[in-house]
Amino acid sequence: MHKITSFVVAEINKAKKGKEMPAPVPLKSSPHYLAKSMPPQIVIGKEKVKVKNYEVELILKSYYSDALMIEGTIEVPDIFSEEILELKDKLLDACIDYGKRSGARIETGEEFTVHQISDYSGDPELFIKKHGNKIASLLKSEKLELDEKEIEYTLSFQFKYAKDDLIILDWDGAFLFDPKGDFDDSIDLLQLANFQLLRYRALDEDLDERLKKVYKLIQTDEKKGIWTRIFRNKDMANAFREVIRIRTQSISQFEALDKDIKLIGDWYSARVYDLLSKKFKFDAWHKSVKEKLDSLEDVYTIAAENFSMSSAQLLDLIQAAGWLILLVGYFILFFYESGIWK
């Protein structure tokens, strides 16, 4: 049996409420608490569409309350046929359209397709020997004939657990081979990894934009007066409050997700996720976000000092104005008592 499952993960301001999906029951070894370690997916909608000649049910799910997952599956007679690449693109287009109509920010989302092969006997590497070039092209969504070294590199990112199963991973797709069709837990891990990638990329880009804005606020022209600086400091304080809010929320989710993934342990699911984290370069994303958060701390310190200096200048100005008023009062009193104004 051959299937393709395409999904799109994208951010949304606030997802609707729905029904929590039951966690898949894995057939391969996994800890008893695996289901509790995975963030729940909430089904909030379904829609039947026609993709070429196939009737497809699209499922709209949410992660937490600010991310949507749109998923569709098609059973195909031959996953290595010439129509599969076009069919995959059409299925993704249907998911994207459903996501847009549901309010998701699709333009910054992640797309992924899982190719599944089951009900076979023997070693799945026989498929690679026969269809290796086609598998690599489908993983890369590439119509051009790939070079042998590129095919070899693409197929090298794989994990084999049992004698008759195999997973091949790439940036936008995966091939899963399992004679019993035990794909649900692996697809859940693929979706979770794409969700985590979306989180990293969105936070990284958001920090870039906010750091630029804060740097611009800090660079106050020396020719500007004190009142302009005071108002700019108010803008800066508002900007930092928003950055700190987003930072706190994102870091909290990252820590919770990392903690849950570590609970999975050294099992099949953990080893698959470790391969995914290497392919998606989670360590590099984590390092980038951490460096920008550290930069944010430095900028905050500079901004706080700048704000304190402006406040001190304002107090000096008020004190000087007070002395000036007091001095004018003394002169008025002097002239009045001396009889000059009589």
Protein backbone atom coordinates (compact mmCIF):
# COMPACT_ATOMS: atom_id res chain seq x y z
CA MET A 1 0.00 0.00 0.00
CA HIS A 2 1.25 3.47 -0.89
CA LYS A 3 0.18 6.77 0.70
CA ILE A 4 1.26 10.39 0.74
CA THR A 5 0.48 12.69 3.67
CA SER A 6 1.10 16.41 3.23
CA PHE A 7 0.82 18.96 6.01
CA VAL A 8 1.43 22.64 6.61
CA VAL A 9 2.28 24.20 9.99
CA ALA A 10 1.70 27.94 10.39
CA GLU A 11 1.13 30.54 13.07
CA ILE A 12 -2.24 32.08 13.93
CA ASN A 13 -3.20 34.77 16.42
CA LYS A 14 -5.54 32.45 18.31
CA ALA A 15 -6.90 29.09 17.24
CA LYS A 16 -10.46 27.98 17.83
CA LYS A 17 -11.31 25.40 20.47
CA GLY A 18 -11.71 21.77 19.45
CA LYS A 19 -11.38 18.14 20.47
CA GLU A 20 -8.06 16.64 21.51
CA MET A 21 -6.87 13.83 19.26
CA PRO A 22 -6.03 10.52 20.95
CA ALA A 23 -2.31 9.80 20.95
CA PRO A 24 -1.25 7.06 18.48
CA VAL A 25 -0.40 3.67 19.96
CA PRO A 26 3.14 2.91 18.74
CA LEU A 27 3.98 -0.67 17.74
CA LYS A 28 7.71 -0.12 18.14
CA SER A 29 9.41 0.19 21.52
CA SER A 30 8.60 3.34 23.43
CA PRO A 31 8.18 4.37 27.08
CA HIS A 32 4.71 4.16 28.61
CA TYR A 33 4.68 7.94 29.11
CA LEU A 34 5.39 8.75 25.43
CA ALA A 35 1.80 9.90 24.82
CA LYS A 36 2.04 12.40 27.68
CA SER A 37 5.40 13.68 26.42
CA MET A 38 3.96 14.81 23.09
CA PRO A 39 2.10 18.15 22.95
CA PRO A 40 -1.55 17.43 22.15
CA GLN A 41 -3.08 18.14 18.75
CA ILE A 42 -6.56 19.65 18.87
CA VAL A 43 -8.91 18.95 15.95
CA ILE A 44 -10.83 22.14 15.20
CA GLY A 45 -12.18 21.44 11.72
CA LYS A 46 -12.43 19.08 8.73
CA GLU A 47 -13.12 19.64 5.05
CA LYS A 48 -13.54 17.31 2.10
CA VAL A 49 -11.96 18.44 -1.16
CA LYS A 50 -11.09 16.95 -4.52
CA VAL A 51 -7.40 16.82 -5.42
CA LYS A 52 -7.14 15.79 -9.08
CA ASN A 53 -9.18 12.55 -9.15
CA TYR A 54 -8.95 11.82 -5.42
CA GLU A 55 -11.44 12.61 -2.66
CA VAL A 56 -9.43 13.94 0.30
CA GLU A 57 -10.40 14.87 3.84
CA LEU A 58 -8.33 17.75 5.16
CA ILE A 59 -7.95 17.93 8.93
CA LEU A 60 -7.41 21.27 10.66
CA LYS A 61 -5.58 20.93 13.99
CA SER A 62 -3.94 23.28 16.45
CA TYR A 63 -0.76 23.12 18.51
CA TYR A 64 -1.19 25.03 21.74
CA SER A 65 -3.36 28.01 20.79
CA ASP A 66 -1.25 29.91 18.27
CA ALA A 67 -0.26 27.37 15.59
CA LEU A 68 -2.33 25.49 13.01
CA MET A 69 -1.64 22.14 11.33
CA ILE A 70 -3.47 21.35 8.10
CA GLU A 71 -3.10 17.72 7.02
CA GLY A 72 -4.35 15.57 4.14
CA THR A 73 -3.68 11.96 3.08
CA ILE A 74 -4.11 10.23 -0.27
CA GLU A 75 -3.79 6.51 -0.95
CA VAL A 76 -2.15 6.02 -4.35
CA PRO A 77 -1.66 2.91 -6.51
CA ASP A 78 2.03 3.61 -7.21
CA ILE A 79 4.04 6.17 -5.28
CA PHE A 80 6.79 6.06 -7.91
CA SER A 81 4.51 7.04 -10.82
CA GLU A 82 5.03 10.21 -12.80
CA GLU A 83 1.90 11.88 -11.36
CA ILE A 84 3.03 11.81 -7.73
CA LEU A 85 5.06 15.03 -7.77
CA GLU A 86 2.16 17.00 -9.26
CA LEU A 87 -0.32 15.27 -6.93
CA LYS A 88 1.81 16.21 -3.93
CA ASP A 89 1.91 19.86 -5.03
CA LYS A 90 -1.88 19.90 -5.48
CA LEU A 91 -2.40 18.36 -2.03
CA LEU A 92 -0.15 20.98 -0.45
CA ASP A 93 -2.04 23.72 -2.32
CA ALA A 94 -5.30 22.39 -0.85
CA CYS A 95 -3.80 22.44 2.66
CA ILE A 96 -2.50 25.96 2.13
CA ASP A 97 -5.88 27.20 0.88
CA TYR A 98 -7.67 25.70 3.89
CA GLY A 99 -5.09 27.25 6.21
CA LYS A 100 -5.47 30.71 4.66
CA ARG A 101 -9.24 30.57 5.00
CA SER A 102 -8.77 29.57 8.65
CA GLY A 103 -6.62 32.62 9.42
CA ALA A 104 -3.16 31.01 9.44
CA ARG A 105 -0.11 33.03 8.35
CA ILE A 106 0.75 30.53 5.62
CA GLU A 107 3.43 32.68 3.98
CA THR A 108 5.76 32.02 6.92
CA GLY A 109 4.71 28.40 7.52
CA GLU A 110 6.45 25.05 7.05
CA GLU A 111 5.42 22.51 4.37
CA PHE A 112 6.19 18.79 4.51
CA THR A 113 5.16 15.58 2.72
CA VAL A 114 5.46 12.04 4.07
CA HIS A 115 5.63 9.19 1.53
CA GLN A 116 4.55 5.86 3.05
CA ILE A 117 5.04 2.32 1.76
CA SER A 118 3.62 -0.74 3.52
CA ASP A 119 2.37 -4.31 2.84
CA TYR A 120 5.64 -5.57 1.37
CA SER A 121 8.08 -8.31 2.27
CA GLY A 122 11.85 -8.26 2.41
CA ASP A 123 14.36 -5.49 2.94
CA PRO A 124 13.12 -1.96 2.01
CA GLU A 125 16.58 -1.19 0.65
CA LEU A 126 15.45 -3.08 -2.45
CA PHE A 127 13.18 -0.10 -3.14
CA ILE A 128 16.19 2.20 -2.92
CA LYS A 129 18.20 0.13 -5.38
CA LYS A 130 15.33 0.19 -7.83
CA HIS A 131 13.84 3.67 -7.25
CA GLY A 132 16.64 5.61 -5.53
CA ASN A 133 16.68 8.45 -8.05
CA LYS A 134 12.88 8.78 -7.90
CA ILE A 135 12.87 8.80 -4.07
CA ALA A 136 15.50 11.57 -3.99
CA SER A 137 13.57 13.63 -6.56
CA LEU A 138 10.31 13.30 -4.61
CA LEU A 139 12.02 14.28 -1.36
CA LYS A 140 13.40 17.42 -3.00
CA SER A 141 10.28 18.11 -5.11
CA GLU A 142 12.63 18.24 -8.06
CA LYS A 143 11.62 17.44 -11.66
CA LEU A 144 15.19 17.61 -12.96
CA GLU A 145 17.31 14.47 -13.06
CA LEU A 146 19.62 14.66 -10.04
CA ASP A 147 23.33 13.97 -10.03
CA GLU A 148 24.43 10.63 -8.56
CA LYS A 149 26.28 12.32 -5.69
CA GLU A 150 23.21 14.40 -4.82
CA ILE A 151 21.08 11.25 -4.86
CA GLU A 152 23.59 9.47 -2.62
CA TYR A 153 23.69 12.41 -0.19
CA THR A 154 19.89 12.65 0.00
CA LEU A 155 19.43 8.94 0.63
CA SER A 156 22.20 8.83 3.25
CA PHE A 157 20.12 10.65 5.86
CA GLN A 158 18.24 7.58 7.04
CA PHE A 159 17.49 5.43 10.06
CA LYS A 160 16.86 1.69 10.11
CA TYR A 161 15.39 0.15 13.28
CA ALA A 162 14.10 -3.29 12.32
CA LYS A 163 15.24 -5.49 9.46
CA ASP A 164 12.24 -4.57 7.34
CA ASP A 165 11.66 -0.86 8.09
CA LEU A 166 13.41 2.35 7.05
CA ILE A 167 13.10 6.14 7.33
CA ILE A 168 14.71 8.56 4.88
CA LEU A 169 14.59 12.25 5.82
CA ASP A 170 15.03 15.48 3.92
CA TRP A 171 14.17 19.14 4.54
CA ASP A 172 10.70 19.10 2.96
CA GLY A 173 9.81 15.43 2.99
CA ALA A 174 10.37 11.90 4.25
CA PHE A 175 10.01 8.33 3.04
CA LEU A 176 8.69 5.80 5.54
CA PHE A 177 8.88 2.05 4.93
CA ASP A 178 7.06 -0.32 7.29
CA PRO A 179 5.43 -3.62 6.26
CA LYS A 180 2.76 -3.26 9.01
CA GLY A 181 1.93 0.35 8.17
CA ASP A 182 2.98 1.66 11.61
CA PHE A 183 3.33 5.28 10.54
CA ASP A 184 1.22 7.35 12.94
CA ASP A 185 3.83 7.85 15.66
CA SER A 186 6.53 8.70 13.09
CA ILE A 187 4.24 11.22 11.37
CA ASP A 188 3.50 12.79 14.75
CA LEU A 189 7.24 13.20 15.33
CA LEU A 190 7.68 14.73 11.87
CA GLN A 191 4.89 17.21 12.58
CA LEU A 192 6.33 18.03 16.00
CA ALA A 193 9.77 18.68 14.47
CA ASN A 194 8.27 21.01 11.85
CA PHE A 195 6.36 22.82 14.59
CA GLN A 196 9.56 23.28 16.58
CA LEU A 197 11.38 24.51 13.45
CA LEU A 198 8.57 27.03 12.86
CA ARG A 199 8.92 28.25 16.44
CA TYR A 200 12.69 28.71 16.16
CA ARG A 201 12.50 30.49 12.81
CA ALA A 202 9.64 32.77 13.86
CA LEU A 203 11.35 33.77 17.11
CA ASP A 204 14.67 34.33 15.32
CA GLU A 205 13.08 36.61 12.72
CA ASP A 206 11.01 38.44 15.33
CA LEU A 207 14.08 39.11 17.47
CA ASP A 208 15.87 40.50 14.39
CA GLU A 209 13.09 42.99 13.73
CA ARG A 210 12.71 44.05 17.34
CA LEU A 211 16.44 44.43 17.91
CA LYS A 212 16.62 46.72 14.86
CA LYS A 213 13.78 48.80 16.25
CA VAL A 214 15.39 49.07 19.69
CA TYR A 215 18.81 49.96 18.24
CA LYS A 216 17.14 52.71 16.22
CA LEU A 217 15.48 54.08 19.35
CA ILE A 218 18.77 54.06 21.25
CA GLN A 219 20.61 56.01 18.56
CA THR A 220 19.24 59.37 19.68
CA ASP A 221 20.65 62.31 17.80
CA GLU A 222 22.74 64.53 20.08
CA LYS A 223 21.01 67.55 18.57
CA LYS A 224 17.64 66.37 19.82
CA GLY A 225 16.30 68.10 22.89
CA ILE A 226 15.59 66.47 26.20
CA TRP A 227 11.84 66.30 25.62
CA THR A 228 12.40 64.31 22.40
CA ARG A 229 14.64 61.93 24.30
CA ILE A 230 12.02 61.45 26.99
CA PHE A 231 9.36 60.54 24.44
CA ARG A 232 11.79 58.20 22.64
CA ASN A 233 12.49 56.49 25.96
CA LYS A 234 8.78 55.90 26.37
CA ASP A 235 8.73 54.24 22.94
CA MET A 236 11.73 52.18 23.96
CA ALA A 237 10.08 51.07 27.20
CA ASN A 238 6.99 49.96 25.28
CA ALA A 239 9.15 48.08 22.76
CA PHE A 240 11.02 46.26 25.51
CA ARG A 241 7.84 45.30 27.32
CA GLU A 242 6.61 43.61 24.12
CA VAL A 243 9.97 41.89 23.52
CA ILE A 244 10.08 40.60 27.10
CA ARG A 245 6.52 39.28 26.81
CA ILE A 246 7.29 37.38 23.60
CA ARG A 247 10.61 36.19 24.97
CA THR A 248 9.03 34.83 28.15
CA GLN A 249 6.27 33.03 26.23
CA SER A 250 8.61 31.51 23.62
CA ILE A 251 11.28 30.42 26.07
CA SER A 252 8.62 28.83 28.28
CA GLN A 253 7.32 26.78 25.34
CA PHE A 254 10.82 25.80 24.22
CA GLU A 255 11.78 24.61 27.70
CA ALA A 256 8.55 22.63 28.03
CA LEU A 257 9.03 21.04 24.60
CA ASP A 258 12.70 20.20 25.22
CA LYS A 259 11.83 18.69 28.59
CA ASP A 260 9.09 16.54 27.09
CA ILE A 261 11.35 15.33 24.27
CA LYS A 262 14.07 14.37 26.76
CA LEU A 263 11.51 12.24 28.63
CA ILE A 264 11.13 10.01 25.57
CA GLY A 265 14.51 8.48 26.32
CA ASP A 266 16.74 6.34 24.12
CA TRP A 267 13.95 4.58 22.27
CA TYR A 268 12.92 4.35 18.62
CA SER A 269 10.97 7.62 18.81
CA ALA A 270 13.87 9.46 20.45
CA ARG A 271 16.34 8.26 17.84
CA VAL A 272 14.06 9.37 15.01
CA TYR A 273 13.64 12.78 16.62
CA ASP A 274 17.39 13.07 17.12
CA LEU A 275 17.86 12.48 13.37
CA LEU A 276 15.21 15.12 12.65
CA SER A 277 16.89 17.65 14.95
CA LYS A 278 20.17 17.18 13.08
CA LYS A 279 18.51 17.51 9.67
CA PHE A 280 16.63 20.65 10.72
CA LYS A 281 19.75 22.03 12.48
CA PHE A 282 17.99 22.68 15.78
CA ASP A 283 21.31 23.25 17.57
CA ALA A 284 22.22 26.05 15.15
CA TRP A 285 18.76 27.63 15.54
CA HIS A 286 18.99 27.35 19.33
CA LYS A 287 22.42 29.00 19.30
CA SER A 288 21.20 31.83 17.06
CA VAL A 289 18.20 32.54 19.27
CA LYS A 290 20.33 32.42 22.42
CA GLU A 291 22.86 34.87 20.98
CA LYS A 292 20.10 37.30 20.04
CA LEU A 293 18.52 37.00 23.47
CA ASP A 294 21.94 37.74 24.99
CA SER A 295 22.23 40.76 22.69
CA LEU A 296 18.81 41.80 23.85
CA GLU A 297 20.04 41.77 27.45
CA ASP A 298 22.99 44.00 26.48
CA VAL A 299 20.75 46.40 24.60
CA TYR A 300 18.34 46.49 27.53
CA THR A 301 21.20 47.44 29.85
CA ILE A 302 22.30 50.23 27.51
CA ALA A 303 18.72 51.46 27.17
CA ALA A 304 18.22 51.42 30.94
CA GLU A 305 21.37 53.52 31.43
CA ASN A 306 20.22 55.91 28.71
CA PHE A 307 16.82 56.21 30.34
CA SER A 308 18.42 56.89 33.74
CA MET A 309 20.62 59.62 32.26
CA SER A 310 17.64 61.33 30.64
CA SER A 311 15.70 61.13 33.89
CA ALA A 312 18.62 62.69 35.75
CA GLN A 313 18.82 65.44 33.14
CA LEU A 314 15.11 66.07 33.55
CA LEU A 315 15.51 66.38 37.35
CA ASP A 316 18.42 68.79 36.88
CA LEU A 317 16.27 70.87 34.53
CA ILE A 318 13.40 70.95 37.02
CA GLN A 319 15.77 71.90 39.83
CA ALA A 320 17.31 74.70 37.75
CA ALA A 321 13.85 75.98 36.83
CA GLY A 322 12.92 75.96 40.53
CA TRP A 323 16.00 78.00 41.44
CA LEU A 324 15.22 80.45 38.62
CA ILE A 325 11.64 80.94 39.85
CA LEU A 326 12.91 81.38 43.41
CA LEU A 327 15.50 83.96 42.23
CA VAL A 328 12.87 85.91 40.30
CA GLY A 329 10.69 85.91 43.41
CA TYR A 330 13.52 87.35 45.50
CA PHE A 331 14.05 90.17 42.98
CA ILE A 332 10.34 91.00 42.98
CA LEU A 333 10.28 91.02 46.78
CA PHE A 334 13.44 93.17 46.89
CA PHE A 335 12.04 95.80 44.50
CA TYR A 336 8.71 95.83 46.31
CA GLU A 337 10.24 96.30 49.77
CA SER A 338 12.74 98.94 48.54
CA GLY A 339 9.85 101.09 47.34
CA ILE A 340 10.95 101.17 43.72
CA TRP A 341 7.50 99.95 42.59
CA LYS A 342 5.61 102.30 44.97
